[in-house]
């Protein structure tokens, strides 16, 4: 787990946002991994800025994870 993801989970868990609620964040903390973990772990929806520099991004790995988790 990324350090940013762990930090976001801690902040969201200590907030008063209830399961099914929503949180958002900027690109400093934002990632697809963070959004997935916030929902999977805490049941809270989220929106984060995710920068789209894909040159060094493991897009194939992301697609593989999404396919396993989501099924389509």
PDB file of N, CA and C in Angstrom:
ATOM      1  N   UNK A   1       0.848  -1.174   0.000  1.00  0.00           N
ATOM      2  CA  UNK A   1       0.000   0.000   0.000  1.00  0.00           C
ATOM      3  C   UNK A   1       0.896   1.241   0.000  1.00  0.00           C
ATOM      4  N   UNK A   2       0.501   2.227  -0.758  1.00  0.00           N
ATOM      5  CA  UNK A   2       1.245   3.480  -0.822  1.00  0.00           C
ATOM      6  C   UNK A   2       1.111   4.271   0.479  1.00  0.00           C
ATOM      7  N   UNK A   3       2.117   5.042   0.795  1.00  0.00           N
ATOM      8  CA  UNK A   3       2.080   5.894   1.985  1.00  0.00           C
ATOM      9  C   UNK A   3       0.909   6.861   1.892  1.00  0.00           C
ATOM     10  N   UNK A   4       0.678   7.423   0.705  1.00  0.00           N
ATOM     11  CA  UNK A   4      -0.440   8.358   0.534  1.00  0.00           C
ATOM     12  C   UNK A   4      -1.775   7.669   0.794  1.00  0.00           C
ATOM     13  N   UNK A   5      -1.899   6.440   0.344  1.00  0.00           N
ATOM     14  CA  UNK A   5      -3.145   5.697   0.550  1.00  0.00           C
ATOM     15  C   UNK A   5      -3.373   5.442   2.031  1.00  0.00           C
ATOM     16  N   UNK A   6      -2.332   5.047   2.738  1.00  0.00           N
ATOM     17  CA  UNK A   6      -2.454   4.814   4.186  1.00  0.00           C
ATOM     18  C   UNK A   6      -2.851   6.104   4.901  1.00  0.00           C
ATOM     19  N   UNK A   7      -2.269   7.220   4.493  1.00  0.00           N
ATOM     20  CA  UNK A   7      -2.601   8.518   5.109  1.00  0.00           C
ATOM     21  C   UNK A   7      -4.057   8.881   4.855  1.00  0.00           C
ATOM     22  N   UNK A   8      -4.521   8.707   3.629  1.00  0.00           N
ATOM     23  CA  UNK A   8      -5.915   9.011   3.306  1.00  0.00           C
ATOM     24  C   UNK A   8      -6.854   8.109   4.095  1.00  0.00           C
ATOM     25  N   UNK A   9      -6.557   6.816   4.165  1.00  0.00           N
ATOM     26  CA  UNK A   9      -7.410   5.906   4.939  1.00  0.00           C
ATOM     27  C   UNK A   9      -7.499   6.342   6.396  1.00  0.00           C
ATOM     28  N   UNK A  10      -6.370   6.752   6.974  1.00  0.00           N
ATOM     29  CA  UNK A  10      -6.368   7.202   8.364  1.00  0.00           C
ATOM     30  C   UNK A  10      -7.231   8.460   8.525  1.00  0.00           C
ATOM     31  N   UNK A  11      -7.065   9.414   7.606  1.00  0.00           N
ATOM     32  CA  UNK A  11      -7.831  10.656   7.701  1.00  0.00           C
ATOM     33  C   UNK A  11      -9.329  10.411   7.530  1.00  0.00           C
ATOM     34  N   UNK A  12      -9.682   9.574   6.555  1.00  0.00           N
ATOM     35  CA  UNK A  12     -11.102   9.298   6.313  1.00  0.00           C
ATOM     36  C   UNK A  12     -11.699   8.515   7.474  1.00  0.00           C
ATOM     37  N   UNK A  13     -10.954   7.552   7.983  1.00  0.00           N
ATOM     38  CA  UNK A  13     -11.445   6.753   9.108  1.00  0.00           C
ATOM     39  C   UNK A  13     -11.689   7.614  10.340  1.00  0.00           C
ATOM     40  N   UNK A  14     -10.850   8.625  10.555  1.00  0.00           N
ATOM     41  CA  UNK A  14     -10.989   9.503  11.728  1.00  0.00           C
ATOM     42  C   UNK A  14     -11.951  10.660  11.496  1.00  0.00           C
ATOM     43  N   UNK A  15     -12.477  10.772  10.296  1.00  0.00           N
ATOM     44  CA  UNK A  15     -13.456  11.831  10.012  1.00  0.00           C
ATOM     45  C   UNK A  15     -14.848  11.342  10.432  1.00  0.00           C
ATOM     46  N   UNK A  16     -15.812  12.182  10.254  1.00  0.00           N
ATOM     47  CA  UNK A  16     -17.180  11.797  10.614  1.00  0.00           C
ATOM     48  C   UNK A  16     -17.985  11.363   9.389  1.00  0.00           C
ATOM     49  N   UNK A  17     -17.289  11.039   8.304  1.00  0.00           N
ATOM     50  CA  UNK A  17     -17.965  10.577   7.096  1.00  0.00           C
ATOM     51  C   UNK A  17     -18.445   9.151   7.327  1.00  0.00           C
ATOM     52  N   UNK A  18     -19.717   8.953   7.095  1.00  0.00           N
ATOM     53  CA  UNK A  18     -20.306   7.632   7.324  1.00  0.00           C
ATOM     54  C   UNK A  18     -20.186   6.759   6.076  1.00  0.00           C
ATOM     55  N   UNK A  19     -20.286   5.465   6.283  1.00  0.00           N
ATOM     56  CA  UNK A  19     -20.277   4.484   5.194  1.00  0.00           C
ATOM     57  C   UNK A  19     -21.302   4.913   4.148  1.00  0.00           C
ATOM     58  N   UNK A  20     -20.911   4.908   2.886  1.00  0.00           N
ATOM     59  CA  UNK A  20     -21.800   5.359   1.820  1.00  0.00           C
ATOM     60  C   UNK A  20     -21.635   6.834   1.509  1.00  0.00           C
ATOM     61  N   UNK A  21     -20.855   7.543   2.330  1.00  0.00           N
ATOM     62  CA  UNK A  21     -20.608   8.963   2.125  1.00  0.00           C
ATOM     63  C   UNK A  21     -19.555   9.196   1.060  1.00  0.00           C
ATOM     64  N   UNK A  22     -19.071  10.433   0.986  1.00  0.00           N
ATOM     65  CA  UNK A  22     -18.122  10.805  -0.054  1.00  0.00           C
ATOM     66  C   UNK A  22     -17.010  11.672   0.509  1.00  0.00           C
ATOM     67  N   UNK A  23     -15.792  11.483   0.021  1.00  0.00           N
ATOM     68  CA  UNK A  23     -14.650  12.350   0.311  1.00  0.00           C
ATOM     69  C   UNK A  23     -13.949  12.647  -1.006  1.00  0.00           C
ATOM     70  N   UNK A  24     -13.138  13.693  -1.013  1.00  0.00           N
ATOM     71  CA  UNK A  24     -12.397  14.046  -2.216  1.00  0.00           C
ATOM     72  C   UNK A  24     -11.018  14.541  -1.852  1.00  0.00           C
ATOM     73  N   UNK A  25     -10.142  14.576  -2.831  1.00  0.00           N
ATOM     74  CA  UNK A  25      -8.795  15.032  -2.563  1.00  0.00           C
ATOM     75  C   UNK A  25      -8.073  15.480  -3.815  1.00  0.00           C
ATOM     76  N   UNK A  26      -6.949  16.141  -3.598  1.00  0.00           N
ATOM     77  CA  UNK A  26      -6.163  16.656  -4.710  1.00  0.00           C
ATOM     78  C   UNK A  26      -5.156  15.623  -5.209  1.00  0.00           C
ATOM     79  N   UNK A  27      -4.331  16.039  -6.145  1.00  0.00           N
ATOM     80  CA  UNK A  27      -3.384  15.121  -6.772  1.00  0.00           C
ATOM     81  C   UNK A  27      -2.287  14.652  -5.828  1.00  0.00           C
ATOM     82  N   UNK A  28      -2.053  15.380  -4.739  1.00  0.00           N
ATOM     83  CA  UNK A  28      -1.020  14.962  -3.789  1.00  0.00           C
ATOM     84  C   UNK A  28      -1.358  13.589  -3.206  1.00  0.00           C
ATOM     85  N   UNK A  29      -2.623  13.369  -2.893  1.00  0.00           N
ATOM     86  CA  UNK A  29      -3.063  12.119  -2.293  1.00  0.00           C
ATOM     87  C   UNK A  29      -3.814  11.227  -3.279  1.00  0.00           C
ATOM     88  N   UNK A  30      -4.196  11.777  -4.404  1.00  0.00           N
ATOM     89  CA  UNK A  30      -5.063  11.062  -5.318  1.00  0.00           C
ATOM     90  C   UNK A  30      -4.377   9.975  -6.131  1.00  0.00           C
ATOM     91  N   UNK A  31      -5.012   8.841  -6.170  1.00  0.00           N
ATOM     92  CA  UNK A  31      -4.584   7.751  -7.043  1.00  0.00           C
ATOM     93  C   UNK A  31      -5.746   6.784  -7.179  1.00  0.00           C
ATOM     94  N   UNK A  32      -5.688   5.974  -8.201  1.00  0.00           N
ATOM     95  CA  UNK A  32      -6.726   4.961  -8.380  1.00  0.00           C
ATOM     96  C   UNK A  32      -6.683   3.980  -7.213  1.00  0.00           C
ATOM     97  N   UNK A  33      -5.493   3.619  -6.772  1.00  0.00           N
ATOM     98  CA  UNK A  33      -5.334   2.705  -5.633  1.00  0.00           C
ATOM     99  C   UNK A  33      -6.019   3.285  -4.402  1.00  0.00           C
ATOM    100  N   UNK A  34      -5.823   4.569  -4.140  1.00  0.00           N
ATOM    101  CA  UNK A  34      -6.437   5.204  -2.968  1.00  0.00           C
ATOM    102  C   UNK A  34      -7.953   5.156  -3.055  1.00  0.00           C
ATOM    103  N   UNK A  35      -8.504   5.516  -4.202  1.00  0.00           N
ATOM    104  CA  UNK A  35      -9.963   5.507  -4.359  1.00  0.00           C
ATOM    105  C   UNK A  35     -10.535   4.109  -4.148  1.00  0.00           C
ATOM    106  N   UNK A  36      -9.871   3.102  -4.700  1.00  0.00           N
ATOM    107  CA  UNK A  36     -10.336   1.715  -4.538  1.00  0.00           C
ATOM    108  C   UNK A  36     -10.259   1.299  -3.070  1.00  0.00           C
ATOM    109  N   UNK A  37      -9.150   1.601  -2.416  1.00  0.00           N
ATOM    110  CA  UNK A  37      -8.975   1.195  -1.013  1.00  0.00           C
ATOM    111  C   UNK A  37      -9.949   1.900  -0.078  1.00  0.00           C
ATOM    112  N   UNK A  38     -10.226   3.180  -0.317  1.00  0.00           N
ATOM    113  CA  UNK A  38     -11.189   3.898   0.528  1.00  0.00           C
ATOM    114  C   UNK A  38     -12.555   3.231   0.440  1.00  0.00           C
ATOM    115  N   UNK A  39     -12.937   2.842  -0.767  1.00  0.00           N
ATOM    116  CA  UNK A  39     -14.251   2.195  -0.905  1.00  0.00           C
ATOM    117  C   UNK A  39     -14.236   0.773  -0.364  1.00  0.00           C
ATOM    118  N   UNK A  40     -13.192   0.017  -0.705  1.00  0.00           N
ATOM    119  CA  UNK A  40     -13.113  -1.386  -0.277  1.00  0.00           C
ATOM    120  C   UNK A  40     -13.010  -1.502   1.244  1.00  0.00           C
ATOM    121  N   UNK A  41     -12.198  -0.649   1.854  1.00  0.00           N
ATOM    122  CA  UNK A  41     -11.930  -0.747   3.286  1.00  0.00           C
ATOM    123  C   UNK A  41     -12.995  -0.080   4.140  1.00  0.00           C
ATOM    124  N   UNK A  42     -13.450   1.112   3.706  1.00  0.00           N
ATOM    125  CA  UNK A  42     -14.348   1.905   4.557  1.00  0.00           C
ATOM    126  C   UNK A  42     -15.760   2.050   4.005  1.00  0.00           C
ATOM    127  N   UNK A  43     -15.984   1.615   2.774  1.00  0.00           N
ATOM    128  CA  UNK A  43     -17.315   1.742   2.185  1.00  0.00           C
ATOM    129  C   UNK A  43     -17.692   3.175   1.880  1.00  0.00           C
ATOM    130  N   UNK A  44     -16.701   4.024   1.640  1.00  0.00           N
ATOM    131  CA  UNK A  44     -16.933   5.443   1.372  1.00  0.00           C
ATOM    132  C   UNK A  44     -16.515   5.739  -0.059  1.00  0.00           C
ATOM    133  N   UNK A  45     -17.349   6.458  -0.775  1.00  0.00           N
ATOM    134  CA  UNK A  45     -17.049   6.844  -2.150  1.00  0.00           C
ATOM    135  C   UNK A  45     -16.050   7.988  -2.131  1.00  0.00           C
ATOM    136  N   UNK A  46     -15.270   8.121  -3.196  1.00  0.00           N
ATOM    137  CA  UNK A  46     -14.279   9.192  -3.225  1.00  0.00           C
ATOM    138  C   UNK A  46     -13.977   9.636  -4.646  1.00  0.00           C
ATOM    139  N   UNK A  47     -13.469  10.838  -4.730  1.00  0.00           N
ATOM    140  CA  UNK A  47     -13.013  11.395  -5.995  1.00  0.00           C
ATOM    141  C   UNK A  47     -11.680  12.066  -5.734  1.00  0.00           C
ATOM    142  N   UNK A  48     -10.673  11.737  -6.537  1.00  0.00           N
ATOM    143  CA  UNK A  48      -9.352  12.334  -6.402  1.00  0.00           C
ATOM    144  C   UNK A  48      -8.852  12.776  -7.765  1.00  0.00           C
ATOM    145  N   UNK A  49      -8.044  13.811  -7.774  1.00  0.00           N
ATOM    146  CA  UNK A  49      -7.370  14.205  -8.998  1.00  0.00           C
ATOM    147  C   UNK A  49      -6.277  13.178  -9.244  1.00  0.00           C
ATOM    148  N   UNK A  50      -6.275  12.602 -10.425  1.00  0.00           N
ATOM    149  CA  UNK A  50      -5.232  11.649 -10.794  1.00  0.00           C
ATOM    150  C   UNK A  50      -4.549  12.213 -12.031  1.00  0.00           C
ATOM    151  N   UNK A  51      -3.286  12.506 -11.902  1.00  0.00           N
ATOM    152  CA  UNK A  51      -2.551  13.066 -13.038  1.00  0.00           C
ATOM    153  C   UNK A  51      -2.456  12.024 -14.137  1.00  0.00           C
ATOM    154  N   UNK A  52      -2.487  12.491 -15.363  1.00  0.00           N
ATOM    155  CA  UNK A  52      -2.557  11.545 -16.472  1.00  0.00           C
ATOM    156  C   UNK A  52      -1.240  11.397 -17.236  1.00  0.00           C
ATOM    157  N   UNK A  53      -0.133  11.500 -16.578  1.00  0.00           N
ATOM    158  CA  UNK A  53       1.149  11.207 -17.206  1.00  0.00           C
ATOM    159  C   UNK A  53       1.291   9.693 -17.236  1.00  0.00           C
ATOM    160  N   UNK A  54       1.113   9.115 -18.389  1.00  0.00           N
ATOM    161  CA  UNK A  54       1.079   7.659 -18.468  1.00  0.00           C
ATOM    162  C   UNK A  54       2.382   7.040 -18.964  1.00  0.00           C
ATOM    163  N   UNK A  55       3.398   7.849 -19.216  1.00  0.00           N
ATOM    164  CA  UNK A  55       4.646   7.321 -19.761  1.00  0.00           C
ATOM    165  C   UNK A  55       5.250   6.228 -18.862  1.00  0.00           C
ATOM    166  N   UNK A  56       5.280   6.463 -17.559  1.00  0.00           N
ATOM    167  CA  UNK A  56       5.855   5.491 -16.626  1.00  0.00           C
ATOM    168  C   UNK A  56       4.770   4.791 -15.793  1.00  0.00           C
ATOM    169  N   UNK A  57       3.528   4.903 -16.219  1.00  0.00           N
ATOM    170  CA  UNK A  57       2.415   4.355 -15.456  1.00  0.00           C
ATOM    171  C   UNK A  57       2.134   2.927 -15.887  1.00  0.00           C
ATOM    172  N   UNK A  58       1.885   2.074 -14.953  1.00  0.00           N
ATOM    173  CA  UNK A  58       1.645   0.650 -15.231  1.00  0.00           C
ATOM    174  C   UNK A  58       0.178   0.411 -15.581  1.00  0.00           C
ATOM    175  N   UNK A  59      -0.231   0.924 -16.718  1.00  0.00           N
ATOM    176  CA  UNK A  59      -1.625   0.839 -17.122  1.00  0.00           C
ATOM    177  C   UNK A  59      -2.096  -0.607 -17.288  1.00  0.00           C
ATOM    178  N   UNK A  60      -1.249  -1.463 -17.822  1.00  0.00           N
ATOM    179  CA  UNK A  60      -1.639  -2.878 -17.994  1.00  0.00           C
ATOM    180  C   UNK A  60      -1.909  -3.530 -16.635  1.00  0.00           C
ATOM    181  N   UNK A  61      -1.089  -3.200 -15.639  1.00  0.00           N
ATOM    182  CA  UNK A  61      -1.298  -3.753 -14.295  1.00  0.00           C
ATOM    183  C   UNK A  61      -2.600  -3.234 -13.701  1.00  0.00           C
ATOM    184  N   UNK A  62      -2.887  -1.950 -13.897  1.00  0.00           N
ATOM    185  CA  UNK A  62      -4.139  -1.380 -13.400  1.00  0.00           C
ATOM    186  C   UNK A  62      -5.334  -2.083 -14.036  1.00  0.00           C
ATOM    187  N   UNK A  63      -5.285  -2.274 -15.339  1.00  0.00           N
ATOM    188  CA  UNK A  63      -6.394  -2.961 -16.010  1.00  0.00           C
ATOM    189  C   UNK A  63      -6.564  -4.385 -15.496  1.00  0.00           C
ATOM    190  N   UNK A  64      -5.470  -5.077 -15.231  1.00  0.00           N
ATOM    191  CA  UNK A  64      -5.547  -6.443 -14.712  1.00  0.00           C
ATOM    192  C   UNK A  64      -6.204  -6.467 -13.337  1.00  0.00           C
ATOM    193  N   UNK A  65      -5.821  -5.530 -12.470  1.00  0.00           N
ATOM    194  CA  UNK A  65      -6.408  -5.448 -11.128  1.00  0.00           C
ATOM    195  C   UNK A  65      -7.884  -5.114 -11.211  1.00  0.00           C
ATOM    196  N   UNK A  66      -8.227  -4.127 -12.031  1.00  0.00           N
ATOM    197  CA  UNK A  66      -9.638  -3.748 -12.176  1.00  0.00           C
ATOM    198  C   UNK A  66     -10.476  -4.902 -12.709  1.00  0.00           C
ATOM    199  N   UNK A  67      -9.940  -5.646 -13.662  1.00  0.00           N
ATOM    200  CA  UNK A  67     -10.686  -6.775 -14.218  1.00  0.00           C
ATOM    201  C   UNK A  67     -10.933  -7.854 -13.160  1.00  0.00           C
ATOM    202  N   UNK A  68      -9.913  -8.137 -12.338  1.00  0.00           N
ATOM    203  CA  UNK A  68     -10.063  -9.136 -11.278  1.00  0.00           C
ATOM    204  C   UNK A  68     -11.075  -8.668 -10.247  1.00  0.00           C
ATOM    205  N   UNK A  69     -10.969  -7.401  -9.835  1.00  0.00           N
ATOM    206  CA  UNK A  69     -11.850  -6.876  -8.785  1.00  0.00           C
ATOM    207  C   UNK A  69     -13.267  -6.628  -9.264  1.00  0.00           C
ATOM    208  N   UNK A  70     -13.410  -6.136 -10.498  1.00  0.00           N
ATOM    209  CA  UNK A  70     -14.728  -5.727 -10.978  1.00  0.00           C
ATOM    210  C   UNK A  70     -15.390  -6.753 -11.905  1.00  0.00           C
ATOM    211  N   UNK A  71     -14.586  -7.593 -12.528  1.00  0.00           N
ATOM    212  CA  UNK A  71     -15.157  -8.635 -13.365  1.00  0.00           C
ATOM    213  C   UNK A  71     -15.509  -8.224 -14.777  1.00  0.00           C
ATOM    214  N   UNK A  72     -15.393  -6.969 -15.099  1.00  0.00           N
ATOM    215  CA  UNK A  72     -15.645  -6.533 -16.474  1.00  0.00           C
ATOM    216  C   UNK A  72     -14.837  -5.321 -16.836  1.00  0.00           C
TER     217      UNK A  72
END
